Protein backbone atom coordinates (compact mmCIF):
# COMPACT_ATOMS: atom_id res chain seq x y z
CA MET A 1 0.24 0.12 0.28
CA VAL A 2 1.53 3.49 -1.13
CA ILE A 3 0.11 6.86 -0.54
CA TYR A 4 0.06 8.49 -3.46
CA SER A 5 -0.27 12.17 -2.70
CA ILE A 6 -1.24 13.65 0.74
CA ASN A 7 -1.32 17.46 1.43
CA THR A 8 -0.43 17.80 4.93
CA VAL A 9 -0.12 20.27 7.48
CA ASP A 10 2.07 21.37 10.80
CA ASP A 11 1.06 22.64 13.83
CA SER A 12 1.19 26.12 12.47
CA GLY A 13 -0.53 25.47 9.15
CA GLY A 14 1.89 25.49 6.89
CA CYS A 15 3.65 22.78 4.68
CA GLY A 16 4.85 19.59 6.78
CA SER A 17 3.86 16.36 8.53
CA LEU A 18 1.07 15.91 9.82
CA LEU A 19 -2.28 14.19 8.44
CA HIS A 20 -5.35 15.28 10.73
CA CYS A 21 -8.72 14.48 10.35
CA ALA A 22 -11.73 14.47 12.27
CA SER A 23 -13.25 10.88 11.22
CA SER A 24 -12.22 8.10 9.55
CA ALA A 25 -14.42 8.94 6.26
CA GLU A 26 -12.39 12.25 6.05
CA PHE A 27 -9.24 10.23 7.00
CA LEU A 28 -10.26 7.97 3.78
CA SER A 29 -10.75 10.51 1.49
CA HIS A 30 -7.39 11.27 1.22
CA PHE A 31 -6.84 7.98 -0.61
CA PRO A 32 -7.91 6.75 -3.69
CA LEU A 33 -10.35 3.76 -2.84
CA PRO A 34 -12.01 1.11 -5.23
CA PRO A 35 -15.73 1.32 -4.58
CA GLU A 36 -16.04 -1.42 -2.09
CA PHE A 37 -13.65 1.00 0.33
CA HIS A 38 -15.77 4.19 0.19
CA PRO A 39 -15.99 5.59 3.22
CA ARG A 40 -20.02 5.68 3.98
CA LYS A 41 -19.80 1.63 2.80
CA LEU A 42 -16.58 0.94 4.58
CA GLN A 43 -17.95 -2.09 7.48
CA MET A 44 -15.96 -4.38 10.12
CA LYS A 45 -14.40 -6.46 7.27
CA THR A 46 -13.38 -3.88 4.83
CA ALA A 47 -12.30 -1.47 7.78
CA THR A 48 -9.90 -4.71 9.30
CA HIS A 49 -8.45 -5.03 5.98
CA PHE A 50 -7.70 -1.03 5.40
CA CYS A 51 -6.71 -0.89 8.95
CA ILE A 52 -3.44 -4.07 8.41
CA LYS A 53 -2.80 -2.49 4.79
CA ASN A 54 -2.10 1.15 6.10
CA GLU A 55 -0.87 -0.43 9.84
CA ARG A 56 2.19 -1.93 8.00
CA LEU A 57 2.78 1.12 5.87
CA PHE A 58 2.86 2.90 8.63
CA ASP A 59 5.28 0.61 10.38
CA CYS A 60 7.24 0.12 7.72
CA THR A 61 11.15 1.17 7.95
CA TYR A 62 13.00 1.61 4.86
CA HIS A 63 16.23 0.67 4.10
CA ILE A 64 18.15 2.12 0.87
CA VAL A 65 21.33 0.86 0.13
CA ASN A 66 23.94 0.70 -3.19
CA LYS A 67 27.10 -0.50 -3.19
CA LYS A 68 29.12 -0.11 -5.72
CA ASP A 69 33.22 0.19 -6.67
CA GLY A 70 34.01 -1.14 -3.11
CA GLU A 71 31.63 2.05 -1.60
CA SER A 72 28.59 1.37 0.81
CA HIS A 73 25.93 4.48 0.46
CA GLY A 74 22.87 3.53 2.78
CA TYR A 75 19.94 5.91 3.96
CA ASN A 76 17.53 4.90 6.74
CA PHE A 77 14.12 5.47 7.68
CA VAL A 78 10.56 5.22 9.06
CA VAL A 79 7.02 6.43 7.31
CA ALA A 80 5.46 7.55 10.36
CA THR A 81 6.41 8.97 13.72
CA LYS A 82 3.16 8.18 15.58
CA TYR A 83 -0.10 7.63 14.05
CA ASP A 84 -3.58 7.33 16.55
CA ILE A 85 -6.48 6.25 14.43
CA ASP A 86 -9.84 5.22 15.08
CA TRP A 87 -11.14 3.08 11.59
CA LEU A 88 -14.82 3.03 12.70
CA ARG A 89 -15.41 6.24 13.54
CA ASN A 90 -17.29 7.33 10.50
CA GLU A 91 -18.68 10.83 11.59
CA PRO A 92 -16.74 13.74 13.21
CA GLN A 93 -17.66 13.66 17.15
CA GLU A 94 -17.72 17.17 18.59
CA ASN A 95 -15.66 18.90 21.24
CA SER A 96 -14.04 15.39 21.27
CA LEU A 97 -10.87 14.75 22.92
CA PHE A 98 -9.53 11.69 20.06
CA GLN A 99 -7.86 12.68 16.78
CA ASN A 100 -7.17 11.11 13.59
CA THR A 101 -3.80 11.59 13.27
CA VAL A 102 -0.62 10.57 11.42
CA ARG A 103 2.54 11.87 11.94
CA PHE A 104 4.73 11.23 9.06
CA SER A 105 8.67 11.22 9.53
CA GLN A 106 10.53 14.05 7.93
CA GLU A 107 12.80 12.20 6.76
CA TYR A 108 9.87 9.62 4.68
CA ILE A 109 8.80 13.19 3.56
CA ASN A 110 12.06 14.27 1.92
CA TYR A 111 12.62 11.31 0.17
CA LEU A 112 9.06 11.66 -1.25
CA CYS A 113 9.47 15.64 -2.48
CA ASP A 114 13.31 14.83 -3.97
CA SER A 115 11.95 12.88 -6.35
CA PRO A 116 8.66 12.10 -6.96
CA VAL A 117 7.08 10.12 -9.66
CA PRO A 118 3.93 11.56 -11.10
CA VAL A 119 1.17 8.24 -11.72
CA ASP A 120 -2.37 8.31 -13.30
CA LEU A 121 -4.74 7.54 -10.68
CA SER A 122 -7.31 6.12 -13.36
CA MET A 123 -4.80 3.71 -14.13
CA ILE A 124 -4.16 2.63 -10.45
CA ALA A 125 -7.75 2.03 -10.10
CA SER A 126 -8.24 0.13 -13.29
CA LEU A 127 -4.98 -2.78 -12.11
CA ASN A 128 -6.75 -5.49 -10.21
CA SER A 129 -3.77 -7.64 -8.43
CA PRO A 130 -1.03 -6.56 -6.21
CA MET A 131 1.71 -7.55 -8.78
CA SER A 132 0.36 -5.54 -10.95
CA LEU A 133 0.42 -2.20 -8.71
CA ASP A 134 4.10 -2.87 -8.16
CA VAL A 135 4.85 -3.53 -11.76
CA TYR A 136 3.32 -0.16 -13.01
CA TRP A 137 4.66 1.69 -10.41
CA TRP A 138 8.07 -0.17 -11.19
CA LEU A 139 7.72 0.81 -14.72
CA ALA A 140 6.70 4.45 -13.75
CA ARG A 141 9.94 5.04 -11.71
CA ARG A 142 11.70 3.33 -14.43
CA TYR A 143 10.94 5.98 -17.34
CA SER A 144 11.57 8.54 -15.58
CA TYR A 145 14.71 8.30 -16.43
CA LEU A 146 15.40 6.05 -19.13
CA HIS A 147 17.15 6.94 -22.49
CA GLU A 148 18.54 4.37 -23.73
CA ARG A 149 17.17 0.38 -24.03
CA GLN A 150 17.97 -1.39 -20.74
CA ASN A 151 17.62 -5.26 -19.71
CA VAL A 152 16.92 -7.24 -16.36
CA THR A 153 17.63 -10.95 -15.53
CA TRP A 154 14.48 -12.57 -13.94
CA ARG A 155 16.58 -13.29 -11.05
CA GLN A 156 17.13 -9.70 -10.53
CA LEU A 157 14.03 -8.52 -10.79
CA ALA A 158 12.46 -11.43 -8.59
CA ALA A 159 15.14 -10.14 -5.93
CA GLN A 160 13.76 -6.24 -6.67
CA PHE A 161 10.26 -7.37 -6.38
CA GLY A 162 10.77 -9.27 -3.07
CA SER A 163 9.37 -12.46 -4.51
CA THR A 164 9.84 -15.43 -2.06
CA ASN A 165 8.09 -17.52 -4.99
CA GLU A 166 10.36 -20.08 -7.11
CA LEU A 167 11.74 -18.28 -10.03
CA ARG A 168 9.67 -20.16 -12.88
CA GLY A 169 6.17 -19.18 -10.38
CA PHE A 170 8.01 -15.12 -10.47
CA ARG A 171 8.22 -15.26 -14.22
CA ARG A 172 4.93 -16.66 -14.96
CA SER A 173 3.20 -13.78 -12.14
CA PHE A 174 5.33 -10.95 -13.72
CA LYS A 175 4.13 -11.83 -17.74
CA HIS A 176 0.63 -11.53 -16.18
CA ALA A 177 1.02 -8.45 -14.49
CA VAL A 178 2.76 -6.69 -17.57
CA ALA A 179 -0.14 -7.69 -19.93
CA GLU A 180 -2.49 -5.83 -17.60
CA VAL A 181 -0.60 -2.85 -16.96
CA ARG A 182 0.03 -2.74 -20.94
CA ARG A 183 -3.91 -2.85 -21.28
CA VAL A 184 -4.37 0.80 -19.10
CA TYR A 185 -0.89 1.99 -20.54
CA PRO A 186 -0.28 0.63 -23.71
CA GLN A 187 2.43 3.32 -24.36
CA ALA A 188 4.95 1.16 -21.50
CA ARG A 189 7.37 -0.27 -24.03
CA ILE A 190 8.70 -3.53 -22.26
CA THR A 191 9.22 -7.69 -23.93
CA CYS A 192 9.19 -10.56 -21.36
CA GLY A 193 11.99 -12.77 -23.07
CA ARG A 194 13.47 -16.37 -21.55
CA GLN A 195 16.10 -14.83 -19.48
CA GLY A 196 14.77 -11.51 -18.60
CA VAL A 197 12.92 -8.86 -19.44
CA THR A 198 13.81 -5.49 -21.50
CA LEU A 199 12.80 -2.02 -21.31
CA TYR A 200 12.88 0.77 -23.99
CA PRO A 201 12.94 4.43 -23.59
CA SER A 202 8.88 5.30 -23.07
CA GLU A 203 6.43 7.98 -23.02
CA THR A 204 5.83 7.91 -18.96
CA SER A 205 2.28 7.55 -18.04
CA VAL A 206 1.81 11.09 -17.01
CA THR A 207 3.70 14.28 -18.07
CA SER A 208 5.97 15.12 -15.54
CA THR A 209 6.51 18.72 -14.55
CA ALA A 210 10.11 18.77 -16.37
CA GLN A 211 9.21 17.49 -19.31
CA THR A 212 6.15 20.15 -19.33
CA ARG A 213 8.43 22.43 -18.88
CA HIS A 214 11.13 20.99 -21.60
CA LEU A 215 8.49 21.02 -24.38
CA GLU A 216 7.44 24.92 -23.42
CA HIS A 217 11.06 25.57 -23.64
CA VAL A 218 10.97 23.63 -27.33
CA GLU A 219 7.90 24.95 -28.42
CA VAL A 220 9.60 28.56 -27.68
CA ARG A 221 12.89 27.63 -29.92
CA SER A 222 10.69 26.64 -32.79
CA GLN A 223 8.39 29.49 -32.78
CA LYS A 224 10.96 32.11 -32.11
CA SER A 225 13.04 29.96 -35.84
CA ARG A 226 9.43 30.79 -37.55
CA GLU A 227 9.86 33.95 -36.61
CA LYS A 228 13.14 34.35 -37.86
CA ILE A 229 12.45 33.44 -41.26
CA ASN A 230 10.02 35.70 -41.68
CA ALA A 231 12.20 38.95 -39.93
CA HIS A 232 13.98 41.69 -41.48
CA TRP A 233 14.59 45.48 -41.32
CA PHE A 234 11.65 47.67 -41.21
CA SER A 235 11.42 51.67 -40.19
CA VAL A 236 9.54 52.56 -37.36
CA THR A 237 8.42 56.36 -36.14
CA ALA A 238 8.82 56.84 -32.35
CA SER A 239 8.46 59.91 -30.17
CA THR A 240 11.86 60.51 -30.04
CA GLY A 241 12.12 60.03 -34.10
CA LYS A 242 12.56 57.54 -36.60
CA GLY A 243 14.34 54.31 -36.77
CA GLU A 244 15.27 50.82 -37.44
CA VAL A 245 14.30 47.59 -35.99
CA TYR A 246 14.96 44.12 -36.69
CA GLY A 247 11.91 41.80 -36.50
CA SER A 248 8.31 40.96 -37.84
CA LEU A 249 5.16 42.16 -36.42
CA GLU A 250 4.68 38.31 -35.18
CA ALA A 251 7.42 38.74 -33.17
CA PHE A 252 6.23 41.66 -31.06
CA SER A 253 3.82 45.06 -31.91
CA THR A 254 4.88 48.34 -33.26
CA THR A 255 4.22 49.55 -29.80
CA ASP A 256 6.63 47.39 -28.79
CA ALA A 257 9.19 48.59 -31.78
CA GLN A 258 8.38 52.16 -30.67
CA MET A 259 9.48 51.60 -26.99
CA HIS A 260 12.56 50.16 -28.00
CA LEU A 261 13.50 52.86 -29.41
CA ASP A 262 12.53 55.65 -26.84
CA GLY A 263 14.25 53.48 -24.09
CA SER A 264 11.24 53.72 -22.68
CA VAL A 265 11.47 49.51 -21.52
CA GLY A 266 14.49 47.92 -20.25
CA PHE A 267 16.87 46.20 -21.85
CA SER A 268 16.05 42.73 -19.98
CA GLU A 269 12.17 43.82 -20.02
CA CYS A 270 12.22 44.49 -24.13
CA PRO A 271 10.70 41.85 -26.57
CA VAL A 272 12.26 43.26 -29.97
CA CYS A 273 16.08 43.29 -28.13
CA ALA A 274 15.10 39.74 -26.81
CA PHE A 275 14.54 38.79 -30.41
CA ASP A 276 17.87 39.49 -32.01
CA GLU A 277 21.37 40.99 -30.71
CA ARG A 278 21.25 43.17 -33.30
CA ASN A 279 18.50 45.57 -31.86
CA ARG A 280 20.17 45.87 -29.17
CA VAL A 281 22.65 48.77 -30.37
CA LYS A 282 19.73 50.79 -31.07
CA HIS A 283 17.79 50.44 -27.68
CA GLY A 284 16.85 54.23 -26.91
CA HIS A 285 18.69 55.55 -30.02
CA ALA A 286 15.99 56.39 -32.28
CA PRO A 287 17.40 59.68 -34.31
CA ALA A 288 15.80 62.70 -33.46
CA VAL A 289 13.19 64.58 -36.40
CA ASN A 290 12.33 67.58 -36.57
CA VAL A 291 8.74 68.00 -36.50
CA SER A 292 6.90 71.00 -37.62
CA LEU A 293 4.38 72.62 -35.48
CA PHE A 294 2.33 74.23 -37.91
C-alpha cells in the first residue's frame, strides 16, 4: 500500500508532516479507493483489511543501500513516527478529545519530495492485482529517467520485487502483470524473454513538470525560429524620432518597437532586444527628427 499524494500541514498551518482528520471518512478521502472501500460503505471486514494494510505502511522502515566499486551508501528512515486512528469512526464528533492523526517522519516527506514520480490514478484504479500495481509503479519510476534500452534478468527482478516464489512462478506472475499494465498503459515498451525483460525508453504515464517545461522550451525555440524566417529590417516612427528594428509584427507589436527606440522599456524587459541582438545597439537611440508645429 502506498500513499500516492497527501497534502500535509504542520501545527502552524504551513507545509509539514502531520495529517489530521476529524473522522475516518475524512481520513479515507485522502486515498484513491475502489468502490467497496468508500467511507460510507466501510464495514468491519473492509475496515479491518484497510487498517492492516495502512498499519503495515505506517510501521514500515526503509533501508536504501547502494553498493558500487567498493563503496557503500545507505539511507534509513521510518514512514510514520506516530499515528492515532479510530478506523470505525465514520462521523466527526464535536468537542471530541480524540483526533485521527498520522505523523509522517520528515525523512519520509523529504524522500518523496526529492524524487517524485507522477502516476495516473485512473490507471491504478483499473489494476486488479498487487503484482500489477507493483509493476506499474516500477515502470513509472524506470521510465522517468530511462534514455536507452535496458535489460534486466529474471533473478534481478525477483530480488528487486522481493519474491519468495520459485523463479518460474515469479516469471509467470510477472508476465501476467505486465499484460494487465499494458492494457491501461499501452505506451509502456517492455518485452519479456527467456532470460529476462527488456525496457525501451517510453512515454511516462503522466507528463512530469520537467517534461512539460522542456516541451514548452522547445515550442518557444521553434516559434522564434519560425518568426526569424520572416524577419526583416523595417522603419518605425517613435516619439523621439524615426529608426529601424529587425523583426516581424508576429514577434512583437509596433508599440513594442516604439518603446524600444524611445528607451522607455529596460533591456531585460524589451521583447525587441530579446528577439535579435542587433536591436540592442539601437535601444533608446532613435535619431531625432524635426517636426513642424504648423
